[in-house]
Amino acid sequence: GMFASFPISSFEVIGPARLNGKRTPLGRYTNHSSNPNAFFVKNDDGDIYLMSFRNINGCVGGGSGEEITVDYYQAIKVNQMTLQGEKI
């Protein structure tokens, strides 16, 4: 899984999940949840980024931060979108 090492604000870009058709570690290791705190968006170049739905807690006092999770069904939809103006 992926865990926040710093606080992330709602609707903030967390990082790239797929660049130039290749998954990044963030795209590969983010786990599924039926109540996710993040979602994927595709830009006009076809790259996919992970964004937060809400504030995500970073690590405090040496402990792990909150796990970053997505809905895999939403990820599949974004991955299959065309670049012809479709929005999520």
PDB file of N, CA and C in Angstrom:
ATOM      1  N   GLY A   1       0.820  -1.200   0.000  1.00  0.00           N
ATOM      2  CA  GLY A   1       0.000   0.000   0.000  1.00  0.00           C
ATOM      3  C   GLY A   1       0.854   1.250   0.000  1.00  0.00           C
ATOM      4  N   MET A   2       0.199   2.347  -0.232  1.00  0.00           N
ATOM      5  CA  MET A   2       0.843   3.665  -0.201  1.00  0.00           C
ATOM      6  C   MET A   2       0.307   4.429   1.005  1.00  0.00           C
ATOM      7  N   PHE A   3       1.199   5.057   1.740  1.00  0.00           N
ATOM      8  CA  PHE A   3       0.828   5.798   2.938  1.00  0.00           C
ATOM      9  C   PHE A   3       1.342   7.227   2.822  1.00  0.00           C
ATOM     10  N   ALA A   4       0.534   8.170   3.299  1.00  0.00           N
ATOM     11  CA  ALA A   4       0.899   9.584   3.232  1.00  0.00           C
ATOM     12  C   ALA A   4       2.013   9.874   4.230  1.00  0.00           C
ATOM     13  N   SER A   5       3.101  10.424   3.749  1.00  0.00           N
ATOM     14  CA  SER A   5       4.192  10.806   4.642  1.00  0.00           C
ATOM     15  C   SER A   5       4.068  12.271   5.060  1.00  0.00           C
ATOM     16  N   PHE A   6       3.092  12.970   4.473  1.00  0.00           N
ATOM     17  CA  PHE A   6       2.836  14.369   4.805  1.00  0.00           C
ATOM     18  C   PHE A   6       1.338  14.610   4.640  1.00  0.00           C
ATOM     19  N   PRO A   7       0.777  15.636   5.285  1.00  0.00           N
ATOM     20  CA  PRO A   7      -0.651  15.911   5.133  1.00  0.00           C
ATOM     21  C   PRO A   7      -0.975  16.300   3.687  1.00  0.00           C
ATOM     22  N   ILE A   8      -2.105  15.815   3.189  1.00  0.00           N
ATOM     23  CA  ILE A   8      -2.554  16.112   1.826  1.00  0.00           C
ATOM     24  C   ILE A   8      -3.927  16.765   1.933  1.00  0.00           C
ATOM     25  N   SER A   9      -4.099  17.914   1.308  1.00  0.00           N
ATOM     26  CA  SER A   9      -5.372  18.637   1.338  1.00  0.00           C
ATOM     27  C   SER A   9      -6.367  18.030   0.366  1.00  0.00           C
ATOM     28  N   SER A  10      -7.643  18.287   0.593  1.00  0.00           N
ATOM     29  CA  SER A  10      -8.673  17.770  -0.309  1.00  0.00           C
ATOM     30  C   SER A  10      -8.496  18.353  -1.708  1.00  0.00           C
ATOM     31  N   PHE A  11      -8.708  17.527  -2.704  1.00  0.00           N
ATOM     32  CA  PHE A  11      -8.589  17.845  -4.125  1.00  0.00           C
ATOM     33  C   PHE A  11      -7.199  18.348  -4.516  1.00  0.00           C
ATOM     34  N   GLU A  12      -6.195  17.824  -3.824  1.00  0.00           N
ATOM     35  CA  GLU A  12      -4.797  18.106  -4.146  1.00  0.00           C
ATOM     36  C   GLU A  12      -4.259  16.941  -4.988  1.00  0.00           C
ATOM     37  N   VAL A  13      -3.430  17.266  -5.980  1.00  0.00           N
ATOM     38  CA  VAL A  13      -2.773  16.220  -6.754  1.00  0.00           C
ATOM     39  C   VAL A  13      -1.744  15.552  -5.853  1.00  0.00           C
ATOM     40  N   ILE A  14      -1.867  14.235  -5.718  1.00  0.00           N
ATOM     41  CA  ILE A  14      -0.926  13.481  -4.895  1.00  0.00           C
ATOM     42  C   ILE A  14       0.310  13.136  -5.713  1.00  0.00           C
ATOM     43  N   GLY A  15       0.114  12.767  -6.968  1.00  0.00           N
ATOM     44  CA  GLY A  15       1.238  12.461  -7.836  1.00  0.00           C
ATOM     45  C   GLY A  15       0.796  11.690  -9.059  1.00  0.00           C
ATOM     46  N   PRO A  16       1.739  11.416  -9.974  1.00  0.00           N
ATOM     47  CA  PRO A  16       1.406  10.677 -11.193  1.00  0.00           C
ATOM     48  C   PRO A  16       1.212   9.187 -10.920  1.00  0.00           C
ATOM     49  N   ALA A  17       0.193   8.611 -11.555  1.00  0.00           N
ATOM     50  CA  ALA A  17      -0.063   7.177 -11.444  1.00  0.00           C
ATOM     51  C   ALA A  17       0.318   6.449 -12.729  1.00  0.00           C
ATOM     52  N   ARG A  18       0.234   7.150 -13.865  1.00  0.00           N
ATOM     53  CA  ARG A  18       0.623   6.575 -15.155  1.00  0.00           C
ATOM     54  C   ARG A  18       1.174   7.715 -16.016  1.00  0.00           C
ATOM     55  N   LEU A  19       2.403   7.546 -16.478  1.00  0.00           N
ATOM     56  CA  LEU A  19       3.058   8.543 -17.330  1.00  0.00           C
ATOM     57  C   LEU A  19       3.540   7.851 -18.600  1.00  0.00           C
ATOM     58  N   ASN A  20       3.239   8.442 -19.738  1.00  0.00           N
ATOM     59  CA  ASN A  20       3.659   7.875 -21.022  1.00  0.00           C
ATOM     60  C   ASN A  20       3.282   6.403 -21.150  1.00  0.00           C
ATOM     61  N   GLY A  21       2.087   6.048 -20.656  1.00  0.00           N
ATOM     62  CA  GLY A  21       1.592   4.685 -20.775  1.00  0.00           C
ATOM     63  C   GLY A  21       2.156   3.695 -19.780  1.00  0.00           C
ATOM     64  N   LYS A  22       2.984   4.144 -18.841  1.00  0.00           N
ATOM     65  CA  LYS A  22       3.601   3.241 -17.867  1.00  0.00           C
ATOM     66  C   LYS A  22       3.178   3.612 -16.451  1.00  0.00           C
ATOM     67  N   ARG A  23       2.791   2.588 -15.671  1.00  0.00           N
ATOM     68  CA  ARG A  23       2.407   2.832 -14.280  1.00  0.00           C
ATOM     69  C   ARG A  23       3.608   3.242 -13.454  1.00  0.00           C
ATOM     70  N   THR A  24       3.372   4.163 -12.548  1.00  0.00           N
ATOM     71  CA  THR A  24       4.388   4.576 -11.581  1.00  0.00           C
ATOM     72  C   THR A  24       4.180   3.740 -10.313  1.00  0.00           C
ATOM     73  N   PRO A  25       5.103   3.787  -9.364  1.00  0.00           N
ATOM     74  CA  PRO A  25       4.870   3.083  -8.100  1.00  0.00           C
ATOM     75  C   PRO A  25       3.560   3.517  -7.424  1.00  0.00           C
ATOM     76  N   LEU A  26       3.206   4.801  -7.516  1.00  0.00           N
ATOM     77  CA  LEU A  26       1.961   5.278  -6.932  1.00  0.00           C
ATOM     78  C   LEU A  26       0.760   4.602  -7.589  1.00  0.00           C
ATOM     79  N   GLY A  27       0.786   4.441  -8.901  1.00  0.00           N
ATOM     80  CA  GLY A  27      -0.293   3.766  -9.608  1.00  0.00           C
ATOM     81  C   GLY A  27      -0.327   2.276  -9.349  1.00  0.00           C
ATOM     82  N   ARG A  28       0.802   1.687  -9.117  1.00  0.00           N
ATOM     83  CA  ARG A  28       0.891   0.231  -8.922  1.00  0.00           C
ATOM     84  C   ARG A  28       0.514  -0.196  -7.509  1.00  0.00           C
ATOM     85  N   TYR A  29       0.894   0.560  -6.505  1.00  0.00           N
ATOM     86  CA  TYR A  29       0.764   0.098  -5.123  1.00  0.00           C
ATOM     87  C   TYR A  29      -0.365   0.742  -4.318  1.00  0.00           C
ATOM     88  N   THR A  30      -1.179   1.581  -4.947  1.00  0.00           N
ATOM     89  CA  THR A  30      -2.323   2.153  -4.244  1.00  0.00           C
ATOM     90  C   THR A  30      -3.422   1.096  -4.165  1.00  0.00           C
ATOM     91  N   ASN A  31      -3.915   0.819  -2.974  1.00  0.00           N
ATOM     92  CA  ASN A  31      -4.897  -0.237  -2.745  1.00  0.00           C
ATOM     93  C   ASN A  31      -6.337   0.234  -2.940  1.00  0.00           C
ATOM     94  N   HIS A  32      -7.237  -0.743  -3.101  1.00  0.00           N
ATOM     95  CA  HIS A  32      -8.671  -0.509  -3.267  1.00  0.00           C
ATOM     96  C   HIS A  32      -9.360  -0.327  -1.923  1.00  0.00           C
ATOM     97  N   SER A  33     -10.392   0.505  -1.935  1.00  0.00           N
ATOM     98  CA  SER A  33     -11.287   0.637  -0.793  1.00  0.00           C
ATOM     99  C   SER A  33     -12.675   0.968  -1.326  1.00  0.00           C
ATOM    100  N   SER A  34     -13.707   0.469  -0.654  1.00  0.00           N
ATOM    101  CA  SER A  34     -15.069   0.847  -1.032  1.00  0.00           C
ATOM    102  C   SER A  34     -15.398   2.248  -0.532  1.00  0.00           C
ATOM    103  N   ASN A  35     -14.539   2.803   0.318  1.00  0.00           N
ATOM    104  CA  ASN A  35     -14.661   4.170   0.802  1.00  0.00           C
ATOM    105  C   ASN A  35     -13.308   4.859   0.604  1.00  0.00           C
ATOM    106  N   PRO A  36     -12.921   5.109  -0.661  1.00  0.00           N
ATOM    107  CA  PRO A  36     -11.575   5.637  -0.941  1.00  0.00           C
ATOM    108  C   PRO A  36     -11.407   7.087  -0.518  1.00  0.00           C
ATOM    109  N   ASN A  37     -10.139   7.482  -0.358  1.00  0.00           N
ATOM    110  CA  ASN A  37      -9.839   8.883  -0.048  1.00  0.00           C
ATOM    111  C   ASN A  37      -9.166   9.579  -1.237  1.00  0.00           C
ATOM    112  N   ALA A  38      -9.040   8.869  -2.370  1.00  0.00           N
ATOM    113  CA  ALA A  38      -8.405   9.449  -3.558  1.00  0.00           C
ATOM    114  C   ALA A  38      -9.064   8.891  -4.823  1.00  0.00           C
ATOM    115  N   PHE A  39      -8.799   9.542  -5.941  1.00  0.00           N
ATOM    116  CA  PHE A  39      -9.347   9.109  -7.226  1.00  0.00           C
ATOM    117  C   PHE A  39      -8.367   9.481  -8.333  1.00  0.00           C
ATOM    118  N   PHE A  40      -8.547   8.857  -9.500  1.00  0.00           N
ATOM    119  CA  PHE A  40      -7.680   9.104 -10.645  1.00  0.00           C
ATOM    120  C   PHE A  40      -8.319  10.088 -11.610  1.00  0.00           C
ATOM    121  N   VAL A  41      -7.498  10.933 -12.218  1.00  0.00           N
ATOM    122  CA  VAL A  41      -7.932  11.832 -13.293  1.00  0.00           C
ATOM    123  C   VAL A  41      -6.941  11.707 -14.439  1.00  0.00           C
ATOM    124  N   LYS A  42      -7.462  11.821 -15.651  1.00  0.00           N
ATOM    125  CA  LYS A  42      -6.617  11.732 -16.845  1.00  0.00           C
ATOM    126  C   LYS A  42      -6.507  13.116 -17.464  1.00  0.00           C
ATOM    127  N   ASN A  43      -5.293  13.515 -17.840  1.00  0.00           N
ATOM    128  CA  ASN A  43      -5.126  14.814 -18.489  1.00  0.00           C
ATOM    129  C   ASN A  43      -5.206  14.650 -20.012  1.00  0.00           C
ATOM    130  N   ASP A  44      -5.091  15.741 -20.734  1.00  0.00           N
ATOM    131  CA  ASP A  44      -5.223  15.728 -22.195  1.00  0.00           C
ATOM    132  C   ASP A  44      -4.125  14.924 -22.883  1.00  0.00           C
ATOM    133  N   ASP A  45      -2.999  14.726 -22.217  1.00  0.00           N
ATOM    134  CA  ASP A  45      -1.900  13.943 -22.784  1.00  0.00           C
ATOM    135  C   ASP A  45      -2.064  12.440 -22.551  1.00  0.00           C
ATOM    136  N   GLY A  46      -3.108  12.050 -21.799  1.00  0.00           N
ATOM    137  CA  GLY A  46      -3.331  10.646 -21.495  1.00  0.00           C
ATOM    138  C   GLY A  46      -2.652  10.174 -20.226  1.00  0.00           C
ATOM    139  N   ASP A  47      -1.924  11.057 -19.554  1.00  0.00           N
ATOM    140  CA  ASP A  47      -1.302  10.697 -18.279  1.00  0.00           C
ATOM    141  C   ASP A  47      -2.378  10.699 -17.195  1.00  0.00           C
ATOM    142  N   ILE A  48      -2.219   9.847 -16.191  1.00  0.00           N
ATOM    143  CA  ILE A  48      -3.193   9.721 -15.120  1.00  0.00           C
ATOM    144  C   ILE A  48      -2.548  10.124 -13.803  1.00  0.00           C
ATOM    145  N   TYR A  49      -3.261  10.959 -13.053  1.00  0.00           N
ATOM    146  CA  TYR A  49      -2.780  11.454 -11.766  1.00  0.00           C
ATOM    147  C   TYR A  49      -3.738  11.043 -10.662  1.00  0.00           C
ATOM    148  N   LEU A  50      -3.214  10.915  -9.462  1.00  0.00           N
ATOM    149  CA  LEU A  50      -4.004  10.592  -8.288  1.00  0.00           C
ATOM    150  C   LEU A  50      -4.298  11.886  -7.542  1.00  0.00           C
ATOM    151  N   MET A  51      -5.576  12.101  -7.206  1.00  0.00           N
ATOM    152  CA  MET A  51      -6.006  13.280  -6.450  1.00  0.00           C
ATOM    153  C   MET A  51      -6.751  12.825  -5.206  1.00  0.00           C
ATOM    154  N   SER A  52      -6.728  13.657  -4.187  1.00  0.00           N
ATOM    155  CA  SER A  52      -7.417  13.326  -2.934  1.00  0.00           C
ATOM    156  C   SER A  52      -8.868  13.811  -2.982  1.00  0.00           C
ATOM    157  N   PHE A  53      -9.781  12.998  -2.427  1.00  0.00           N
ATOM    158  CA  PHE A  53     -11.180  13.391  -2.250  1.00  0.00           C
ATOM    159  C   PHE A  53     -11.327  14.319  -1.059  1.00  0.00           C
ATOM    160  N   ARG A  54     -10.498  14.093  -0.065  1.00  0.00           N
ATOM    161  CA  ARG A  54     -10.609  14.791   1.219  1.00  0.00           C
ATOM    162  C   ARG A  54      -9.212  14.942   1.807  1.00  0.00           C
ATOM    163  N   ASN A  55      -9.116  15.615   2.947  1.00  0.00           N
ATOM    164  CA  ASN A  55      -7.836  15.716   3.637  1.00  0.00           C
ATOM    165  C   ASN A  55      -7.366  14.321   4.044  1.00  0.00           C
ATOM    166  N   ILE A  56      -6.078  14.055   3.836  1.00  0.00           N
ATOM    167  CA  ILE A  56      -5.474  12.771   4.204  1.00  0.00           C
ATOM    168  C   ILE A  56      -4.366  13.068   5.208  1.00  0.00           C
ATOM    169  N   ASN A  57      -4.389  12.362   6.328  1.00  0.00           N
ATOM    170  CA  ASN A  57      -3.420  12.610   7.393  1.00  0.00           C
ATOM    171  C   ASN A  57      -2.056  12.025   7.057  1.00  0.00           C
ATOM    172  N   GLY A  58      -1.025  12.835   7.255  1.00  0.00           N
ATOM    173  CA  GLY A  58       0.341  12.362   7.094  1.00  0.00           C
ATOM    174  C   GLY A  58       0.837  11.730   8.378  1.00  0.00           C
ATOM    175  N   CYS A  59       2.060  11.217   8.346  1.00  0.00           N
ATOM    176  CA  CYS A  59       2.599  10.567   9.544  1.00  0.00           C
ATOM    177  C   CYS A  59       2.853  11.604  10.637  1.00  0.00           C
ATOM    178  N   VAL A  60       2.623  11.173  11.866  1.00  0.00           N
ATOM    179  CA  VAL A  60       2.783  12.033  13.036  1.00  0.00           C
ATOM    180  C   VAL A  60       3.578  11.258  14.081  1.00  0.00           C
ATOM    181  N   GLY A  61       4.603  11.854  14.617  1.00  0.00           N
ATOM    182  CA  GLY A  61       5.348  11.233  15.706  1.00  0.00           C
ATOM    183  C   GLY A  61       6.028   9.930  15.336  1.00  0.00           C
ATOM    184  N   GLY A  62       6.451   9.811  14.079  1.00  0.00           N
ATOM    185  CA  GLY A  62       7.163   8.620  13.657  1.00  0.00           C
ATOM    186  C   GLY A  62       6.289   7.475  13.198  1.00  0.00           C
ATOM    187  N   GLY A  63       4.965   7.608  13.353  1.00  0.00           N
ATOM    188  CA  GLY A  63       4.054   6.550  12.905  1.00  0.00           C
ATOM    189  C   GLY A  63       3.744   6.694  11.428  1.00  0.00           C
ATOM    190  N   SER A  64       3.097   5.670  10.880  1.00  0.00           N
ATOM    191  CA  SER A  64       2.700   5.711   9.474  1.00  0.00           C
ATOM    192  C   SER A  64       1.548   6.685   9.287  1.00  0.00           C
ATOM    193  N   GLY A  65       1.511   7.323   8.145  1.00  0.00           N
ATOM    194  CA  GLY A  65       0.391   8.175   7.800  1.00  0.00           C
ATOM    195  C   GLY A  65      -0.772   7.325   7.317  1.00  0.00           C
ATOM    196  N   GLU A  66      -1.844   7.996   6.977  1.00  0.00           N
ATOM    197  CA  GLU A  66      -3.049   7.320   6.497  1.00  0.00           C
ATOM    198  C   GLU A  66      -2.778   6.642   5.151  1.00  0.00           C
ATOM    199  N   GLU A  67      -3.351   5.461   4.950  1.00  0.00           N
ATOM    200  CA  GLU A  67      -3.191   4.776   3.667  1.00  0.00           C
ATOM    201  C   GLU A  67      -3.987   5.509   2.593  1.00  0.00           C
ATOM    202  N   ILE A  68      -3.385   5.667   1.430  1.00  0.00           N
ATOM    203  CA  ILE A  68      -4.053   6.278   0.283  1.00  0.00           C
ATOM    204  C   ILE A  68      -4.752   5.152  -0.473  1.00  0.00           C
ATOM    205  N   THR A  69      -6.066   5.301  -0.681  1.00  0.00           N
ATOM    206  CA  THR A  69      -6.846   4.252  -1.322  1.00  0.00           C
ATOM    207  C   THR A  69      -7.697   4.827  -2.451  1.00  0.00           C
ATOM    208  N   VAL A  70      -8.045   3.961  -3.393  1.00  0.00           N
ATOM    209  CA  VAL A  70      -8.891   4.331  -4.531  1.00  0.00           C
ATOM    210  C   VAL A  70      -9.957   3.254  -4.728  1.00  0.00           C
ATOM    211  N   ASP A  71     -10.933   3.570  -5.554  1.00  0.00           N
ATOM    212  CA  ASP A  71     -11.930   2.603  -5.986  1.00  0.00           C
ATOM    213  C   ASP A  71     -11.434   2.037  -7.316  1.00  0.00           C
ATOM    214  N   TYR A  72     -11.094   0.758  -7.349  1.00  0.00           N
ATOM    215  CA  TYR A  72     -10.551   0.164  -8.577  1.00  0.00           C
ATOM    216  C   TYR A  72     -11.521   0.282  -9.751  1.00  0.00           C
ATOM    217  N   TYR A  73     -12.833   0.278  -9.500  1.00  0.00           N
ATOM    218  CA  TYR A  73     -13.807   0.413 -10.589  1.00  0.00           C
ATOM    219  C   TYR A  73     -13.687   1.783 -11.251  1.00  0.00           C
ATOM    220  N   GLN A  74     -13.469   2.814 -10.452  1.00  0.00           N
ATOM    221  CA  GLN A  74     -13.260   4.157 -10.996  1.00  0.00           C
ATOM    222  C   GLN A  74     -11.959   4.201 -11.782  1.00  0.00           C
ATOM    223  N   ALA A  75     -10.937   3.512 -11.288  1.00  0.00           N
ATOM    224  CA  ALA A  75      -9.648   3.481 -11.977  1.00  0.00           C
ATOM    225  C   ALA A  75      -9.776   2.839 -13.354  1.00  0.00           C
ATOM    226  N   ILE A  76     -10.554   1.775 -13.443  1.00  0.00           N
ATOM    227  CA  ILE A  76     -10.758   1.105 -14.735  1.00  0.00           C
ATOM    228  C   ILE A  76     -11.467   2.037 -15.710  1.00  0.00           C
ATOM    229  N   LYS A  77     -12.477   2.757 -15.235  1.00  0.00           N
ATOM    230  CA  LYS A  77     -13.202   3.689 -16.103  1.00  0.00           C
ATOM    231  C   LYS A  77     -12.273   4.783 -16.637  1.00  0.00           C
ATOM    232  N   VAL A  78     -11.444   5.335 -15.776  1.00  0.00           N
ATOM    233  CA  VAL A  78     -10.527   6.398 -16.195  1.00  0.00           C
ATOM    234  C   VAL A  78      -9.524   5.852 -17.199  1.00  0.00           C
ATOM    235  N   ASN A  79      -9.035   4.667 -16.971  1.00  0.00           N
ATOM    236  CA  ASN A  79      -8.043   4.065 -17.846  1.00  0.00           C
ATOM    237  C   ASN A  79      -8.617   3.792 -19.236  1.00  0.00           C
ATOM    238  N   GLN A  80      -9.930   3.560 -19.344  1.00  0.00           N
ATOM    239  CA  GLN A  80     -10.565   3.253 -20.616  1.00  0.00           C
ATOM    240  C   GLN A  80     -11.110   4.479 -21.338  1.00  0.00           C
ATOM    241  N   MET A  81     -11.057   5.645 -20.692  1.00  0.00           N
ATOM    242  CA  MET A  81     -11.606   6.857 -21.295  1.00  0.00           C
ATOM    243  C   MET A  81     -10.833   7.231 -22.566  1.00  0.00           C
ATOM    244  N   THR A  82     -11.550   7.795 -23.514  1.00  0.00           N
ATOM    245  CA  THR A  82     -10.883   8.347 -24.690  1.00  0.00           C
ATOM    246  C   THR A  82     -10.458   9.769 -24.381  1.00  0.00           C
ATOM    247  N   LEU A  83      -9.683  10.336 -25.246  1.00  0.00           N
ATOM    248  CA  LEU A  83      -9.220  11.714 -25.039  1.00  0.00           C
ATOM    249  C   LEU A  83     -10.110  12.708 -25.783  1.00  0.00           C
ATOM    250  N   GLN A  84     -11.355  12.332 -26.086  1.00  0.00           N
ATOM    251  CA  GLN A  84     -12.239  13.188 -26.855  1.00  0.00           C
ATOM    252  C   GLN A  84     -13.182  13.985 -25.962  1.00  0.00           C
ATOM    253  N   GLY A  85     -12.645  14.593 -24.938  1.00  0.00           N
ATOM    254  CA  GLY A  85     -13.407  15.498 -24.104  1.00  0.00           C
ATOM    255  C   GLY A  85     -14.201  14.843 -22.993  1.00  0.00           C
ATOM    256  N   GLU A  86     -14.040  13.550 -22.733  1.00  0.00           N
ATOM    257  CA  GLU A  86     -14.761  12.922 -21.642  1.00  0.00           C
ATOM    258  C   GLU A  86     -14.199  13.398 -20.318  1.00  0.00           C
ATOM    259  N   LYS A  87     -15.065  13.634 -19.389  1.00  0.00           N
ATOM    260  CA  LYS A  87     -14.660  14.076 -18.051  1.00  0.00           C
ATOM    261  C   LYS A  87     -15.231  13.116 -17.026  1.00  0.00           C
ATOM    262  N   ILE A  88     -14.584  13.040 -15.854  1.00  0.00           N
ATOM    263  CA  ILE A  88     -15.137  12.224 -14.780  1.00  0.00           C
ATOM    264  C   ILE A  88     -15.783  13.135 -13.778  1.00  0.00           C
TER     265      ILE A  88
END
